Amino acid sequence: MSEFKLPHVEDLRTDATLIRGLQEDFKAIEQEDIDIRKLINDKHDDLSKQLTQLNQRLDELMNGGAM
């Protein structure tokens, strides 16, 4: 005799596994986004400092400070 199984019980188990996987994927994507934004900000800060130094040096050269 075959055992009667409720289809929605197995579907819920599958759905819970899918949702858990999606949550893990989303957390990984969020972390990658945070890491990329930090790298961009760090690079921006470095370039901004270099640009400030370059502008200061140009000001010195334009005002005869190269000697």
N, C-alpha and C. Protein backbone atom coordinates (compact mmCIF):
# COMPACT_ATOMS: atom_id res chain seq x y z
N MET A 1 0.84 -1.18 0.00
CA MET A 1 0.00 0.00 0.00
C MET A 1 0.89 1.25 0.00
N SER A 2 0.58 2.19 -0.85
CA SER A 2 1.40 3.41 -0.92
C SER A 2 0.99 4.39 0.16
N GLU A 3 2.00 5.08 0.61
CA GLU A 3 1.77 6.06 1.68
C GLU A 3 1.34 7.39 1.06
N PHE A 4 0.33 7.98 1.62
CA PHE A 4 -0.16 9.26 1.12
C PHE A 4 0.72 10.38 1.67
N LYS A 5 1.25 11.21 0.78
CA LYS A 5 2.08 12.34 1.20
C LYS A 5 1.38 13.64 0.81
N LEU A 6 1.43 14.56 1.69
CA LEU A 6 0.88 15.88 1.39
C LEU A 6 1.89 16.66 0.57
N PRO A 7 1.53 17.05 -0.62
CA PRO A 7 2.49 17.73 -1.51
C PRO A 7 2.99 19.07 -0.95
N HIS A 8 2.13 19.77 -0.23
CA HIS A 8 2.54 21.08 0.26
C HIS A 8 3.61 20.98 1.36
N VAL A 9 3.70 19.86 2.05
CA VAL A 9 4.72 19.70 3.08
C VAL A 9 6.10 19.65 2.44
N GLU A 10 6.24 18.89 1.38
CA GLU A 10 7.52 18.82 0.68
C GLU A 10 7.85 20.16 0.01
N ASP A 11 6.83 20.83 -0.52
CA ASP A 11 7.05 22.13 -1.14
C ASP A 11 7.57 23.13 -0.12
N LEU A 12 7.04 23.10 1.09
CA LEU A 12 7.50 24.03 2.13
C LEU A 12 8.96 23.77 2.47
N ARG A 13 9.34 22.50 2.53
CA ARG A 13 10.72 22.16 2.82
C ARG A 13 11.63 22.68 1.71
N THR A 14 11.20 22.48 0.47
CA THR A 14 11.98 22.96 -0.68
C THR A 14 12.05 24.48 -0.68
N ASP A 15 10.91 25.12 -0.40
CA ASP A 15 10.88 26.58 -0.37
C ASP A 15 11.79 27.13 0.72
N ALA A 16 11.80 26.49 1.88
CA ALA A 16 12.65 26.95 2.98
C ALA A 16 14.12 26.83 2.60
N THR A 17 14.47 25.74 1.92
CA THR A 17 15.85 25.56 1.48
C THR A 17 16.22 26.61 0.45
N LEU A 18 15.31 26.87 -0.47
CA LEU A 18 15.55 27.89 -1.50
C LEU A 18 15.71 29.26 -0.87
N ILE A 19 14.83 29.59 0.07
CA ILE A 19 14.90 30.90 0.73
C ILE A 19 16.20 31.04 1.51
N ARG A 20 16.60 29.99 2.21
CA ARG A 20 17.85 30.03 2.98
C ARG A 20 19.04 30.25 2.03
N GLY A 21 19.01 29.57 0.89
CA GLY A 21 20.08 29.76 -0.10
C GLY A 21 20.09 31.18 -0.65
N LEU A 22 18.91 31.71 -0.91
CA LEU A 22 18.82 33.09 -1.42
C LEU A 22 19.32 34.09 -0.39
N GLN A 23 19.00 33.84 0.89
CA GLN A 23 19.47 34.74 1.95
C GLN A 23 20.99 34.73 2.04
N GLU A 24 21.58 33.54 1.93
CA GLU A 24 23.04 33.43 1.96
C GLU A 24 23.65 34.14 0.76
N ASP A 25 23.05 33.96 -0.41
CA ASP A 25 23.54 34.63 -1.61
C ASP A 25 23.45 36.14 -1.46
N PHE A 26 22.32 36.62 -0.92
CA PHE A 26 22.13 38.05 -0.75
C PHE A 26 23.14 38.63 0.23
N LYS A 27 23.42 37.90 1.31
CA LYS A 27 24.42 38.37 2.29
C LYS A 27 25.80 38.46 1.63
N ALA A 28 26.13 37.47 0.80
CA ALA A 28 27.41 37.50 0.11
C ALA A 28 27.48 38.68 -0.86
N ILE A 29 26.38 38.96 -1.55
CA ILE A 29 26.34 40.09 -2.48
C ILE A 29 26.47 41.40 -1.72
N GLU A 30 25.77 41.52 -0.59
CA GLU A 30 25.88 42.73 0.23
C GLU A 30 27.31 42.95 0.70
N GLN A 31 27.98 41.88 1.13
CA GLN A 31 29.35 42.01 1.62
C GLN A 31 30.29 42.42 0.48
N GLU A 32 30.08 41.85 -0.70
CA GLU A 32 30.91 42.22 -1.86
C GLU A 32 30.69 43.69 -2.21
N ASP A 33 29.45 44.16 -2.13
CA ASP A 33 29.14 45.55 -2.40
C ASP A 33 29.85 46.47 -1.40
N ILE A 34 29.82 46.08 -0.12
CA ILE A 34 30.50 46.86 0.92
C ILE A 34 32.00 46.91 0.65
N ASP A 35 32.58 45.76 0.30
CA ASP A 35 34.02 45.71 0.02
C ASP A 35 34.40 46.58 -1.18
N ILE A 36 33.60 46.52 -2.24
CA ILE A 36 33.88 47.31 -3.44
C ILE A 36 33.76 48.80 -3.15
N ARG A 37 32.71 49.18 -2.41
CA ARG A 37 32.55 50.59 -2.07
C ARG A 37 33.71 51.10 -1.22
N LYS A 38 34.20 50.26 -0.31
CA LYS A 38 35.34 50.66 0.52
C LYS A 38 36.58 50.85 -0.36
N LEU A 39 36.81 49.94 -1.29
CA LEU A 39 37.95 50.08 -2.19
C LEU A 39 37.85 51.36 -3.02
N ILE A 40 36.65 51.65 -3.51
CA ILE A 40 36.45 52.86 -4.31
C ILE A 40 36.72 54.10 -3.46
N ASN A 41 36.19 54.11 -2.25
CA ASN A 41 36.39 55.26 -1.37
C ASN A 41 37.86 55.44 -1.00
N ASP A 42 38.54 54.32 -0.72
CA ASP A 42 39.96 54.39 -0.40
C ASP A 42 40.75 54.93 -1.58
N LYS A 43 40.46 54.44 -2.77
CA LYS A 43 41.16 54.90 -3.97
C LYS A 43 40.85 56.38 -4.21
N HIS A 44 39.59 56.77 -3.99
CA HIS A 44 39.20 58.17 -4.16
C HIS A 44 39.98 59.05 -3.19
N ASP A 45 40.09 58.60 -1.95
CA ASP A 45 40.82 59.38 -0.95
C ASP A 45 42.29 59.51 -1.34
N ASP A 46 42.90 58.42 -1.81
CA ASP A 46 44.30 58.46 -2.24
C ASP A 46 44.48 59.43 -3.41
N LEU A 47 43.59 59.34 -4.39
CA LEU A 47 43.70 60.23 -5.56
C LEU A 47 43.45 61.68 -5.17
N SER A 48 42.54 61.90 -4.24
CA SER A 48 42.26 63.26 -3.79
C SER A 48 43.48 63.86 -3.09
N LYS A 49 44.15 63.06 -2.26
CA LYS A 49 45.37 63.53 -1.60
C LYS A 49 46.45 63.84 -2.62
N GLN A 50 46.62 62.98 -3.60
CA GLN A 50 47.63 63.19 -4.62
C GLN A 50 47.33 64.45 -5.42
N LEU A 51 46.05 64.66 -5.73
CA LEU A 51 45.67 65.85 -6.48
C LEU A 51 45.93 67.11 -5.67
N THR A 52 45.65 67.07 -4.38
CA THR A 52 45.92 68.21 -3.51
C THR A 52 47.42 68.52 -3.47
N GLN A 53 48.23 67.47 -3.35
CA GLN A 53 49.69 67.65 -3.34
C GLN A 53 50.17 68.22 -4.67
N LEU A 54 49.62 67.72 -5.76
CA LEU A 54 50.00 68.22 -7.09
C LEU A 54 49.64 69.69 -7.23
N ASN A 55 48.44 70.05 -6.79
CA ASN A 55 48.02 71.46 -6.87
C ASN A 55 48.90 72.36 -6.02
N GLN A 56 49.28 71.88 -4.84
CA GLN A 56 50.18 72.66 -3.99
C GLN A 56 51.53 72.86 -4.67
N ARG A 57 52.03 71.81 -5.26
CA ARG A 57 53.33 71.89 -5.95
C ARG A 57 53.25 72.83 -7.15
N LEU A 58 52.15 72.76 -7.89
CA LEU A 58 51.97 73.67 -9.03
C LEU A 58 51.90 75.12 -8.56
N ASP A 59 51.21 75.35 -7.45
CA ASP A 59 51.16 76.70 -6.89
C ASP A 59 52.56 77.19 -6.52
N GLU A 60 53.35 76.30 -5.91
CA GLU A 60 54.71 76.67 -5.56
C GLU A 60 55.53 77.01 -6.81
N LEU A 61 55.41 76.21 -7.84
CA LEU A 61 56.16 76.45 -9.06
C LEU A 61 55.72 77.74 -9.75
N MET A 62 54.41 78.01 -9.74
CA MET A 62 53.90 79.21 -10.38
C MET A 62 54.31 80.47 -9.62
N ASN A 63 54.55 80.34 -8.33
CA ASN A 63 54.90 81.48 -7.51
C ASN A 63 56.40 81.56 -7.25
N GLY A 64 57.18 80.83 -8.03
CA GLY A 64 58.63 80.90 -7.93
C GLY A 64 59.20 80.10 -6.77
N GLY A 65 58.51 79.13 -6.26
CA GLY A 65 58.98 78.39 -5.11
C GLY A 65 59.86 77.20 -5.48
N ALA A 66 60.25 77.08 -6.76
CA ALA A 66 61.05 75.92 -7.18
C ALA A 66 62.50 76.08 -6.83
N MET A 67 62.90 77.25 -6.38
CA MET A 67 64.31 77.49 -6.13
C MET A 67 64.70 77.17 -4.74
